[in-house]
Amino acid sequence: MDDHRVHSDPQSGFAPNAGDARPHAIVIGAGLGGLASAMRLGAKGYRVTVIDKLDMAGGRGSALYQNGHRFDLGPTIVTVPQVFRELWAACGRDFDQDVDLRPIEPFYEIRWPDGSHFTASQNTDAMRAEVARLSPQDAKGYERFLQDSAARYWFGFEDLGRRSMHKLWDLIKVLPKFGMLRADRSVYAHAAKRFKDERLRMAFSFHPLFIGGDPFNVTSMYILVSHLEKEFGVHYAMGGVAAIAKAMARVVQDQGGALRFHHVVDEITFHDNRATGVRLATGETVAADIVVSNADAGHTYKHLMRNRPRRRWTDGKLTRARWSMGLFVWYFGTRGTCNKWADVGHHTILNGPRYRGLVKDIFIKGKLSEDMSLYVHRPSVTDPSCAPEGDDTFYALSPVPHLGFDDPVDWAKMGEAYRQKVQQVLEDQLLPDLGAHLSASEVLTPADFESRYLSPNGSGFSIEPRILQSAYFRPHNVSEEAEGLYLVGAGTHPGAGLPGVISSAEVLAKLVPDAVSVSSGHEIKMAAE
């Protein structure tokens, strides 16, 4: 099992190699956003040190290994693969030489309790046929929805999502466009305008759940996901997202950067109003010219800057923020099943009896419901290397409330009982006789997200992407609180999901000066000035 990790550099300390006079950048966190930032900074001429509390690269995109199974802990698919190719190209590398990306077709199957189903794919004619099969009267609405989705993609992702939104004027300039696109309307409300069939309303509105958003309250800008799936497809990296993380870490090391695992950053250090480095939990301080935090934005401000006054991101503001839902994820392996359950593909979405009511329980009431909906991942049908020969690797994800409600779930007490309920749903609806084939089992709950990833309230995707928590209203990529401090990852602009966190590093690269201007004596100025 030793070969699945990208190891820290052999030297034990944080001192640079002799003769390396490049300006130093510290990246807190080796998640995908942090690794992408390290790559961008290395390409700009910085000596980069990435520090992470885990024992491997990837953060939420890392993997767990048990009994010959490899479990992708978090994201399972790659959409908008060009953001990775552009990242690699900025470093003078070829993404496709380092990562084996395979298209998934179909993308996923959605199943409802009444036995009906919907298969999503990149083929527009096949999608039209699926819509017509379920609800012929919604055929025209689907065509309009595609147009709506494309318009929001070009504005929301290619424009706003790939540039900084830290200046109020940037927001004011785009308000008319927001109004024209009805950004005030929720994703579900927009789907309901285009589809009459309740199943299709669900099928074309659930995507915000992939980034921690409530479809009944998140801005309709997020219907752009339907366009990016149609236009660019859905892909799987052989070896899982952890393979992408390992490839990113290798690029960082090839640039002369360093990866330091098993180190906890306890505080960001400052002199006057400038970030000067970090202090580790051991008490050791590491100096830097700039600091980039890929830790959750809430953790960055509330814990890593706990000894500094903050103008905007105060403890009170963070407490009042709406956080994304929590995740209960059961990772399990099955023995001798590679030819079993032939109707179960790479991704399946099992709907419970309620959609709106379940989402309200999760996001508004903070209540653990008796019913559930599950996102089931079976990567072994695409990548046999994730399981022993003849076996299967799965995970089943259930959205649940985060831990910030008044009466949070005690997962130490409820975890196993809830896992058994998940297993029963799977046996009843998807994987009959599952229990007889189990060969590996592991669970992550919101409590684990809180301890493993230092995620406030154990949320799965940081701050929820509601309209007043997006773009200018989201934690900025260049901190308002101090000079020389930058933020990337799910809790910052443009938001969660692989395209979002990789794009946050692209925005970072536009804000941070080239290393040559730092080494030549020019002071780093806040990009907001």
Protein backbone atom coordinates (compact mmCIF):
# COMPACT_ATOMS: atom_id res chain seq x y z
CA MET A 1 0.00 0.00 0.00
CA ASP A 2 3.02 2.32 0.11
CA ASP A 3 2.92 3.19 -3.58
CA HIS A 4 -0.43 4.99 -3.48
CA ARG A 5 0.94 8.05 -1.71
CA VAL A 6 2.98 10.98 -2.94
CA HIS A 7 5.46 11.31 -0.10
CA SER A 8 6.83 14.41 1.56
CA ASP A 9 10.30 15.43 0.52
CA PRO A 10 12.99 13.52 2.42
CA GLN A 11 14.34 16.56 4.29
CA SER A 12 12.65 16.89 7.67
CA GLY A 13 12.52 20.68 7.98
CA PHE A 14 11.03 23.52 5.95
CA ALA A 15 14.25 25.30 4.98
CA PRO A 16 14.82 25.83 1.23
CA ASN A 17 17.46 23.94 -0.66
CA ALA A 18 20.77 25.75 -0.71
CA GLY A 19 20.86 28.36 -3.45
CA ASP A 20 17.08 28.49 -3.97
CA ALA A 21 16.41 32.21 -3.62
CA ARG A 22 12.96 32.23 -5.20
CA PRO A 23 10.21 34.01 -3.27
CA HIS A 24 8.43 31.57 -1.00
CA ALA A 25 4.71 30.78 -1.13
CA ILE A 26 3.01 28.59 1.46
CA VAL A 27 -0.18 26.75 0.46
CA ILE A 28 -2.24 25.52 3.40
CA GLY A 29 -3.96 22.30 2.36
CA ALA A 30 -3.23 19.75 -0.37
CA GLY A 31 -6.77 19.54 -1.69
CA LEU A 32 -7.35 19.91 -5.42
CA GLY A 33 -7.62 23.70 -5.09
CA GLY A 34 -4.41 23.87 -3.08
CA LEU A 35 -2.49 21.64 -5.48
CA ALA A 36 -3.75 23.63 -8.48
CA SER A 37 -2.65 26.82 -6.73
CA ALA A 38 0.78 25.36 -6.01
CA MET A 39 1.13 24.46 -9.69
CA ARG A 40 0.10 27.96 -10.77
CA LEU A 41 2.48 29.58 -8.28
CA GLY A 42 5.34 27.31 -9.34
CA ALA A 43 4.72 28.34 -12.95
CA LYS A 44 4.91 31.98 -11.85
CA GLY A 45 8.37 31.39 -10.36
CA TYR A 46 7.66 30.81 -6.67
CA ARG A 47 9.22 28.23 -4.41
CA VAL A 48 6.12 26.55 -3.05
CA THR A 49 5.56 24.57 0.13
CA VAL A 50 2.25 22.75 0.51
CA ILE A 51 1.34 21.77 4.08
CA ASP A 52 -1.42 19.29 4.94
CA LYS A 53 -2.54 17.42 8.04
CA LEU A 54 -3.35 14.24 6.09
CA ASP A 55 -0.85 11.63 4.94
CA MET A 56 -1.54 12.02 1.20
CA ALA A 57 -2.44 14.60 -1.41
CA GLY A 58 -6.00 15.27 -2.50
CA GLY A 59 -7.98 16.40 0.55
CA ARG A 60 -11.59 15.47 -0.15
CA GLY A 61 -10.29 13.99 -3.41
CA SER A 62 -8.01 11.50 -1.69
CA ALA A 63 -8.64 7.77 -1.40
CA LEU A 64 -9.06 5.05 1.21
CA TYR A 65 -7.57 1.59 0.78
CA GLN A 66 -9.05 -1.48 2.46
CA ASN A 67 -8.86 -5.21 1.70
CA GLY A 68 -7.68 -4.61 -1.86
CA HIS A 69 -10.30 -1.95 -2.56
CA ARG A 70 -9.58 1.68 -3.45
CA PHE A 71 -12.38 4.02 -2.41
CA ASP A 72 -12.63 7.51 -3.89
CA LEU A 73 -13.49 9.49 -0.77
CA GLY A 74 -15.13 12.47 -2.45
CA PRO A 75 -15.63 13.60 -6.05
CA THR A 76 -16.10 10.78 -8.53
CA ILE A 77 -16.36 12.51 -11.91
CA VAL A 78 -14.59 15.14 -13.98
CA THR A 79 -16.63 17.69 -15.91
CA VAL A 80 -15.14 20.56 -17.93
CA PRO A 81 -11.84 18.69 -18.39
CA GLN A 82 -10.33 21.66 -20.21
CA VAL A 83 -9.76 23.43 -16.87
CA PHE A 84 -7.27 20.64 -16.04
CA ARG A 85 -5.69 20.74 -19.48
CA GLU A 86 -5.27 24.51 -19.21
CA LEU A 87 -3.75 24.14 -15.74
CA TRP A 88 -1.21 21.62 -16.99
CA ALA A 89 -0.44 23.78 -20.06
CA ALA A 90 0.29 26.77 -17.80
CA CYS A 91 3.00 24.58 -16.23
CA GLY A 92 4.40 23.49 -19.60
CA ARG A 93 2.92 20.01 -19.20
CA ASP A 94 0.39 17.79 -20.98
CA PHE A 95 -2.49 16.67 -18.77
CA ASP A 96 -3.28 13.69 -20.99
CA GLN A 97 0.27 12.40 -20.60
CA ASP A 98 -0.18 12.31 -16.82
CA VAL A 99 -3.84 11.34 -16.36
CA ASP A 100 -5.92 8.72 -18.17
CA LEU A 101 -9.37 10.29 -18.48
CA ARG A 102 -12.21 8.11 -19.76
CA PRO A 103 -15.67 9.31 -20.84
CA ILE A 104 -18.61 7.79 -18.96
CA GLU A 105 -21.63 7.00 -21.10
CA PRO A 106 -24.32 7.13 -19.92
CA PHE A 107 -23.57 9.62 -17.15
CA TYR A 108 -25.98 8.21 -14.58
CA GLU A 109 -29.37 6.61 -14.15
CA ILE A 110 -32.02 8.20 -11.95
CA ARG A 111 -34.56 5.82 -10.40
CA TRP A 112 -37.83 6.62 -8.62
CA PRO A 113 -39.83 4.50 -6.14
CA ASP A 114 -42.60 3.92 -8.70
CA GLY A 115 -40.15 1.98 -10.89
CA SER A 116 -39.66 4.70 -13.50
CA HIS A 117 -36.18 5.79 -14.48
CA PHE A 118 -34.26 8.38 -16.51
CA THR A 119 -30.89 7.80 -18.15
CA ALA A 120 -28.72 10.91 -18.60
CA SER A 121 -26.14 10.96 -21.40
CA GLN A 122 -24.18 13.33 -23.62
CA ASN A 123 -26.23 12.37 -26.67
CA THR A 124 -28.83 15.10 -27.10
CA ASP A 125 -31.11 12.93 -29.23
CA ALA A 126 -31.02 10.21 -26.58
CA MET A 127 -31.88 12.82 -23.94
CA ARG A 128 -34.78 14.06 -26.05
CA ALA A 129 -36.04 10.49 -26.30
CA GLU A 130 -35.78 10.03 -22.53
CA VAL A 131 -37.72 13.23 -21.88
CA ALA A 132 -40.40 12.23 -24.41
CA ARG A 133 -40.63 8.73 -22.95
CA LEU A 134 -41.42 10.07 -19.49
CA SER A 135 -43.46 13.10 -20.53
CA PRO A 136 -44.13 13.87 -24.22
CA GLN A 137 -45.64 17.23 -23.30
CA ASP A 138 -42.23 18.37 -21.96
CA ALA A 139 -40.29 17.95 -25.22
CA LYS A 140 -40.45 21.66 -26.09
CA GLY A 141 -39.61 22.64 -22.52
CA TYR A 142 -36.44 20.57 -22.73
CA GLU A 143 -35.26 22.51 -25.81
CA ARG A 144 -35.82 25.80 -23.99
CA PHE A 145 -34.05 24.47 -20.90
CA LEU A 146 -30.98 23.64 -23.00
CA GLN A 147 -30.89 27.22 -24.29
CA ASP A 148 -31.31 28.57 -20.76
CA SER A 149 -28.50 26.37 -19.51
CA ALA A 150 -26.07 27.41 -22.26
CA ALA A 151 -26.67 31.12 -21.60
CA ARG A 152 -25.96 30.69 -17.90
CA TYR A 153 -22.85 28.61 -18.59
CA TRP A 154 -21.20 31.27 -20.75
CA PHE A 155 -22.00 34.03 -18.29
CA GLY A 156 -21.76 32.20 -14.97
CA PHE A 157 -18.78 29.93 -15.58
CA GLU A 158 -16.70 31.19 -18.50
CA ASP A 159 -17.09 34.86 -17.52
CA LEU A 160 -17.71 35.30 -13.78
CA GLY A 161 -16.25 31.97 -12.73
CA ARG A 162 -12.84 32.57 -14.24
CA ARG A 163 -12.12 36.05 -12.92
CA SER A 164 -11.97 37.63 -9.51
CA MET A 165 -15.17 39.09 -8.08
CA HIS A 166 -13.64 40.91 -5.10
CA LYS A 167 -14.57 44.44 -6.15
CA LEU A 168 -18.06 45.82 -5.61
CA TRP A 169 -17.98 47.50 -9.02
CA ASP A 170 -17.50 44.10 -10.66
CA LEU A 171 -20.79 43.04 -9.09
CA ILE A 172 -22.65 46.24 -9.97
CA LYS A 173 -21.65 45.92 -13.64
CA VAL A 174 -23.20 42.46 -13.96
CA LEU A 175 -26.42 43.07 -12.01
CA PRO A 176 -28.45 43.77 -15.20
CA LYS A 177 -27.32 40.43 -16.63
CA PHE A 178 -28.24 38.67 -13.40
CA GLY A 179 -31.66 40.22 -13.65
CA MET A 180 -32.12 39.26 -17.29
CA LEU A 181 -31.21 35.64 -16.49
CA ARG A 182 -33.50 35.61 -13.45
CA ALA A 183 -30.74 34.73 -11.03
CA ASP A 184 -33.23 35.44 -8.25
CA ARG A 185 -35.19 32.34 -9.25
CA SER A 186 -34.15 28.98 -7.76
CA VAL A 187 -32.88 26.07 -9.82
CA TYR A 188 -36.03 24.09 -9.06
CA ALA A 189 -38.29 27.04 -9.87
CA HIS A 190 -36.62 27.41 -13.24
CA ALA A 191 -36.94 23.70 -13.98
CA ALA A 192 -40.60 23.92 -13.01
CA LYS A 193 -41.05 26.68 -15.61
CA ARG A 194 -39.82 24.34 -18.34
CA PHE A 195 -41.12 20.90 -17.23
CA LYS A 196 -44.55 19.79 -16.06
CA ASP A 197 -43.56 16.27 -15.02
CA GLU A 198 -42.33 16.23 -11.43
CA ARG A 199 -39.74 13.56 -12.20
CA LEU A 200 -38.17 15.73 -14.90
CA ARG A 201 -38.24 18.71 -12.58
CA MET A 202 -36.13 16.66 -10.20
CA ALA A 203 -33.84 15.30 -12.95
CA PHE A 204 -33.02 18.80 -14.17
CA SER A 205 -32.79 20.54 -10.79
CA PHE A 206 -30.88 18.24 -8.42
CA HIS A 207 -27.39 19.19 -9.66
CA PRO A 208 -26.75 21.86 -6.96
CA LEU A 209 -26.61 18.98 -4.49
CA PHE A 210 -23.29 18.03 -6.16
CA ILE A 211 -21.84 21.27 -4.75
CA GLY A 212 -23.75 21.44 -1.49
CA GLY A 213 -26.70 23.60 -2.57
CA ASP A 214 -30.43 23.39 -1.88
CA PRO A 215 -32.12 23.20 -5.34
CA PHE A 216 -35.16 25.01 -3.97
CA ASN A 217 -33.12 28.02 -2.83
CA VAL A 218 -29.87 28.11 -4.84
CA THR A 219 -29.79 30.57 -7.74
CA SER A 220 -30.91 29.30 -11.14
CA MET A 221 -27.47 30.19 -12.51
CA TYR A 222 -26.54 26.64 -11.53
CA ILE A 223 -28.66 25.11 -14.28
CA LEU A 224 -25.45 25.72 -16.26
CA VAL A 225 -24.41 22.20 -15.15
CA SER A 226 -26.76 20.69 -17.73
CA HIS A 227 -24.91 22.54 -20.49
CA LEU A 228 -21.42 21.61 -19.35
CA GLU A 229 -22.44 17.94 -19.09
CA LYS A 230 -23.90 18.02 -22.61
CA GLU A 231 -21.05 20.01 -24.12
CA PHE A 232 -18.03 18.41 -22.47
CA GLY A 233 -19.30 15.09 -21.14
CA VAL A 234 -18.72 13.35 -17.83
CA HIS A 235 -15.39 11.62 -17.30
CA TYR A 236 -13.67 9.31 -14.87
CA ALA A 237 -9.94 9.40 -14.15
CA MET A 238 -8.48 5.90 -14.10
CA GLY A 239 -7.19 5.49 -10.57
CA GLY A 240 -9.89 7.85 -9.34
CA VAL A 241 -9.63 11.54 -8.52
CA ALA A 242 -6.78 10.52 -6.20
CA ALA A 243 -4.78 9.76 -9.36
CA ILE A 244 -5.28 13.36 -10.48
CA ALA A 245 -4.15 14.58 -7.07
CA LYS A 246 -1.01 12.44 -7.25
CA ALA A 247 -0.25 13.77 -10.75
CA MET A 248 -0.69 17.33 -9.51
CA ALA A 249 1.63 16.68 -6.58
CA ARG A 250 4.28 15.33 -8.95
CA VAL A 251 4.11 18.51 -11.03
CA VAL A 252 4.60 20.59 -7.87
CA GLN A 253 7.63 18.52 -6.93
CA ASP A 254 9.03 18.73 -10.46
CA GLN A 255 8.79 22.52 -10.17
CA GLY A 256 10.97 22.36 -7.07
CA GLY A 257 8.07 22.64 -4.66
CA ALA A 258 7.71 20.65 -1.45
CA LEU A 259 4.83 18.67 0.06
CA ARG A 260 4.73 18.38 3.84
CA PHE A 261 2.18 15.89 5.14
CA HIS A 262 1.26 15.16 8.76
CA HIS A 263 1.71 18.84 9.65
CA VAL A 264 -1.16 20.91 11.05
CA VAL A 265 -1.16 24.65 10.40
CA ASP A 266 -2.53 26.23 13.58
CA GLU A 267 -2.27 29.91 12.72
CA ILE A 268 -1.31 32.35 9.98
CA THR A 269 1.35 34.81 11.16
CA PHE A 270 1.30 38.53 10.39
CA HIS A 271 3.46 41.62 10.67
CA ASP A 272 1.40 44.78 10.72
CA ASN A 273 -1.25 43.98 8.09
CA ARG A 274 0.72 41.48 6.01
CA ALA A 275 0.75 37.70 6.15
CA THR A 276 4.28 36.52 6.87
CA GLY A 277 3.90 32.74 7.11
CA VAL A 278 2.33 30.11 9.32
CA ARG A 279 2.71 28.62 12.77
CA LEU A 280 2.32 24.86 13.03
CA ALA A 281 0.63 22.98 15.85
CA THR A 282 4.13 22.02 17.04
CA GLY A 283 4.94 25.72 17.55
CA GLU A 284 7.31 25.86 14.59
CA THR A 285 6.96 28.92 12.37
CA VAL A 286 7.51 28.90 8.61
CA ALA A 287 8.09 32.22 6.84
CA ALA A 288 6.67 33.07 3.43
CA ASP A 289 6.28 35.99 1.05
CA ILE A 290 2.64 35.05 0.40
CA VAL A 291 0.21 32.64 2.04
CA VAL A 292 -2.55 30.81 0.16
CA SER A 293 -5.17 29.02 2.23
CA ASN A 294 -6.93 26.03 0.72
CA ALA A 295 -8.35 25.29 4.15
CA ASP A 296 -12.08 25.92 4.39
CA ALA A 297 -12.68 29.68 4.29
CA GLY A 298 -14.59 29.46 7.56
CA HIS A 299 -11.70 27.65 9.25
CA THR A 300 -9.21 30.11 7.77
CA TYR A 301 -10.93 33.14 9.22
CA LYS A 302 -12.33 31.72 12.45
CA HIS A 303 -9.34 29.60 13.52
CA LEU A 304 -6.21 30.46 11.55
CA MET A 305 -6.87 34.21 12.05
CA ARG A 306 -8.47 33.90 15.50
CA ASN A 307 -6.02 36.34 17.11
CA ARG A 308 -6.61 39.13 14.61
CA PRO A 309 -9.51 41.56 14.33
CA ARG A 310 -11.51 40.98 11.14
CA ARG A 311 -13.60 43.58 9.36
CA ARG A 312 -15.83 41.35 7.24
CA TRP A 313 -15.46 37.67 8.05
CA THR A 314 -16.10 37.89 11.76
CA ASP A 315 -17.09 34.92 13.90
CA GLY A 316 -20.63 36.27 13.98
CA LYS A 317 -20.90 36.51 10.21
CA LEU A 318 -19.57 32.99 9.79
CA THR A 319 -22.03 31.67 12.37
CA ARG A 320 -24.92 33.35 10.54
CA ALA A 321 -23.84 32.01 7.14
CA ARG A 322 -25.77 29.18 5.54
CA TRP A 323 -23.59 26.10 5.20
CA SER A 324 -23.87 23.28 2.72
CA MET A 325 -25.37 19.98 3.81
CA GLY A 326 -23.44 17.21 5.47
CA LEU A 327 -22.66 13.88 3.84
CA PHE A 328 -23.04 10.34 5.10
CA VAL A 329 -20.92 8.12 2.86
CA TRP A 330 -20.73 4.36 3.14
CA TYR A 331 -17.77 2.84 1.28
CA PHE A 332 -18.10 -0.89 0.74
CA GLY A 333 -16.58 -3.71 -1.25
CA THR A 334 -18.33 -6.81 -2.51
CA ARG A 335 -16.84 -10.23 -3.25
CA GLY A 336 -17.48 -12.10 -6.50
CA THR A 337 -20.00 -9.62 -7.89
CA CYS A 338 -18.39 -8.28 -11.08
CA ASN A 339 -21.01 -10.15 -13.13
CA LYS A 340 -23.83 -9.51 -10.69
CA TRP A 341 -26.28 -6.57 -10.71
CA ALA A 342 -25.80 -6.10 -14.45
CA ASP A 343 -28.30 -3.23 -14.56
CA VAL A 344 -26.23 -1.13 -12.13
CA GLY A 345 -23.77 1.13 -13.90
CA HIS A 346 -21.07 3.56 -12.80
CA HIS A 347 -23.52 6.06 -11.23
CA THR A 348 -27.07 5.56 -9.98
CA ILE A 349 -29.31 8.02 -8.17
CA LEU A 350 -31.97 6.36 -6.02
CA ASN A 351 -34.78 8.75 -5.14
CA GLY A 352 -36.72 8.37 -1.95
CA PRO A 353 -40.47 9.03 -1.80
CA ARG A 354 -39.95 12.78 -1.23
CA TYR A 355 -37.87 15.40 -3.02
CA ARG A 356 -38.87 18.83 -1.69
CA GLY A 357 -39.67 17.52 1.79
CA LEU A 358 -36.38 15.64 2.14
CA VAL A 359 -34.35 18.64 0.94
CA LYS A 360 -36.20 20.86 3.44
CA ASP A 361 -35.43 18.44 6.27
CA ILE A 362 -31.73 18.52 5.35
CA PHE A 363 -31.19 22.23 4.69
CA ILE A 364 -33.87 24.07 6.65
CA LYS A 365 -35.02 21.90 9.55
CA GLY A 366 -31.69 20.17 10.19
CA LYS A 367 -33.56 16.92 10.73
CA LEU A 368 -32.34 13.41 9.92
CA SER A 369 -35.25 11.96 7.95
CA GLU A 370 -36.58 8.43 8.06
CA ASP A 371 -36.42 8.29 4.24
CA MET A 372 -33.37 8.98 2.11
CA SER A 373 -32.10 9.45 -1.43
CA LEU A 374 -28.77 7.90 -2.41
CA TYR A 375 -26.02 8.61 -4.92
CA VAL A 376 -24.40 5.25 -5.69
CA HIS A 377 -20.94 5.03 -7.21
CA ARG A 378 -19.67 1.77 -8.74
CA PRO A 379 -16.28 2.67 -10.27
CA SER A 380 -15.22 -0.96 -10.75
CA VAL A 381 -17.42 -1.23 -13.87
CA THR A 382 -15.08 1.33 -15.49
CA ASP A 383 -11.83 0.82 -13.58
CA PRO A 384 -11.24 -2.78 -12.42
CA SER A 385 -8.05 -1.69 -10.62
CA CYS A 386 -10.14 -0.30 -7.72
CA ALA A 387 -11.19 -3.79 -6.57
CA PRO A 388 -9.70 -7.29 -6.33
CA GLU A 389 -10.28 -9.40 -9.43
CA GLY A 390 -13.92 -10.43 -9.72
CA ASP A 391 -15.01 -8.03 -6.97
CA ASP A 392 -16.63 -4.59 -6.87
CA THR A 393 -16.01 -1.28 -5.14
CA PHE A 394 -18.92 1.00 -4.24
CA TYR A 395 -19.89 4.01 -2.29
CA ALA A 396 -23.36 5.17 -1.34
CA LEU A 397 -23.78 8.82 -0.40
CA SER A 398 -26.75 10.19 1.51
CA PRO A 399 -27.15 13.97 1.96
CA VAL A 400 -27.81 14.73 5.64
CA PRO A 401 -27.95 17.86 7.83
CA HIS A 402 -24.70 19.55 8.83
CA LEU A 403 -23.78 19.80 12.51
CA GLY A 404 -24.60 23.48 12.95
CA PHE A 405 -28.28 23.07 13.80
CA ASP A 406 -29.62 23.34 17.35
CA ASP A 407 -29.97 19.59 17.83
CA PRO A 408 -27.30 18.01 15.60
CA VAL A 409 -27.18 14.31 14.88
CA ASP A 410 -24.91 12.37 17.25
CA TRP A 411 -23.16 10.29 14.63
CA ALA A 412 -21.16 8.33 17.21
CA LYS A 413 -24.50 6.88 18.33
CA MET A 414 -26.43 6.94 15.05
CA GLY A 415 -23.75 6.04 12.52
CA GLU A 416 -24.08 2.25 12.43
CA ALA A 417 -27.88 2.28 12.60
CA TYR A 418 -27.99 4.71 9.67
CA ARG A 419 -25.51 2.60 7.71
CA GLN A 420 -27.79 -0.39 8.18
CA LYS A 421 -30.70 1.66 6.83
CA VAL A 422 -28.62 2.59 3.78
CA GLN A 423 -27.79 -1.08 3.25
CA GLN A 424 -31.46 -2.02 3.51
CA VAL A 425 -32.45 0.58 0.90
CA LEU A 426 -29.74 -0.74 -1.43
CA GLU A 427 -30.81 -4.35 -0.94
CA ASP A 428 -34.48 -3.50 -1.52
CA GLN A 429 -34.02 -1.24 -4.54
CA LEU A 430 -30.68 -1.85 -6.26
CA LEU A 431 -28.35 -4.55 -4.93
CA PRO A 432 -30.33 -7.61 -3.77
CA ASP A 433 -28.47 -9.95 -1.40
CA LEU A 434 -25.83 -7.26 -0.82
CA GLY A 435 -25.11 -8.33 2.76
CA ALA A 436 -23.97 -11.79 1.70
CA HIS A 437 -21.21 -10.32 -0.49
CA LEU A 438 -19.73 -7.56 1.70
CA SER A 439 -15.94 -7.72 1.93
CA ALA A 440 -14.98 -4.22 3.10
CA SER A 441 -16.79 -1.39 4.86
CA GLU A 442 -15.98 2.14 6.02
CA VAL A 443 -18.13 5.16 6.83
CA LEU A 444 -17.56 8.92 6.83
CA THR A 445 -20.10 11.16 8.58
CA PRO A 446 -20.29 14.95 9.03
CA ALA A 447 -18.36 14.44 12.28
CA ASP A 448 -15.53 12.91 10.25
CA PHE A 449 -15.63 15.79 7.77
CA GLU A 450 -15.25 18.15 10.72
CA SER A 451 -12.23 16.32 12.15
CA ARG A 452 -10.57 15.05 8.96
CA TYR A 453 -11.02 18.12 6.76
CA LEU A 454 -11.51 20.79 9.46
CA SER A 455 -14.81 21.59 7.78
CA PRO A 456 -17.01 23.97 9.83
CA ASN A 457 -20.18 22.22 11.00
CA GLY A 458 -18.98 19.09 9.19
CA SER A 459 -20.39 20.53 5.96
CA GLY A 460 -19.52 18.71 2.76
CA PHE A 461 -18.95 21.74 0.52
CA SER A 462 -18.30 24.76 2.77
CA ILE A 463 -20.61 27.79 2.47
CA GLU A 464 -23.82 27.06 0.57
CA PRO A 465 -23.88 28.73 -2.89
CA ARG A 466 -26.99 30.86 -2.43
CA ILE A 467 -27.13 34.07 -4.45
CA LEU A 468 -26.08 36.25 -1.50
CA GLN A 469 -23.22 33.84 -0.74
CA SER A 470 -21.87 33.72 -4.30
CA ALA A 471 -19.51 35.83 -6.43
CA TYR A 472 -18.80 39.14 -4.61
CA PHE A 473 -20.64 37.90 -1.51
CA ARG A 474 -18.47 34.79 -1.16
CA PRO A 475 -15.06 34.87 0.58
CA HIS A 476 -12.78 36.56 -1.92
CA ASN A 477 -9.74 34.92 -3.49
CA VAL A 478 -7.68 37.87 -2.28
CA SER A 479 -8.38 38.40 1.39
CA GLU A 480 -10.00 41.63 2.52
CA GLU A 481 -8.47 41.11 5.95
CA ALA A 482 -4.73 41.28 5.22
CA GLU A 483 -2.21 41.77 2.46
CA GLY A 484 -0.31 38.81 1.07
CA LEU A 485 -3.14 36.40 1.97
CA TYR A 486 -5.18 34.56 -0.65
CA LEU A 487 -7.93 31.94 -0.49
CA VAL A 488 -8.84 29.12 -2.86
CA GLY A 489 -11.08 26.07 -2.79
CA ALA A 490 -14.75 25.26 -2.32
CA GLY A 491 -15.52 28.05 0.17
CA THR A 492 -14.23 30.81 -2.09
CA HIS A 493 -15.17 32.19 -5.51
CA PRO A 494 -16.30 30.61 -7.81
CA GLY A 495 -17.35 27.73 -5.52
CA ALA A 496 -17.36 23.99 -4.91
CA GLY A 497 -16.99 21.12 -7.36
CA LEU A 498 -13.87 20.20 -9.31
CA PRO A 499 -14.30 22.87 -12.01
CA GLY A 500 -14.89 25.48 -9.31
CA VAL A 501 -11.88 24.70 -7.13
CA ILE A 502 -9.53 24.39 -10.13
CA SER A 503 -10.86 27.72 -11.42
CA SER A 504 -10.21 29.32 -8.03
CA ALA A 505 -6.51 28.67 -8.63
CA GLU A 506 -6.80 30.22 -12.09
CA VAL A 507 -8.28 33.34 -10.48
CA LEU A 508 -5.46 33.28 -7.90
CA ALA A 509 -2.85 33.32 -10.66
CA LYS A 510 -4.38 36.54 -12.00
CA LEU A 511 -4.16 38.20 -8.58
CA VAL A 512 -0.68 37.17 -7.41
CA PRO A 513 2.27 39.04 -8.94
CA ASP A 514 4.96 37.08 -10.78
CA ALA A 515 7.78 36.01 -8.51
CA VAL A 516 10.30 38.15 -10.41
CA SER A 517 8.53 41.31 -9.24
CA VAL A 518 8.79 40.11 -5.65
CA SER A 519 12.42 39.02 -5.83
CA SER A 520 13.38 42.32 -7.48
CA GLY A 521 12.19 44.17 -4.41
CA HIS A 522 8.73 45.28 -5.48
CA GLU A 523 6.27 45.02 -2.60
CA ILE A 524 3.23 42.78 -3.06
CA LYS A 525 0.14 44.95 -3.00
CA MET A 526 -3.36 43.81 -2.30
CA ALA A 527 -5.08 43.26 -5.62
CA ALA A 528 -8.15 44.97 -4.18
CA GLU A 529 -6.33 48.31 -4.05
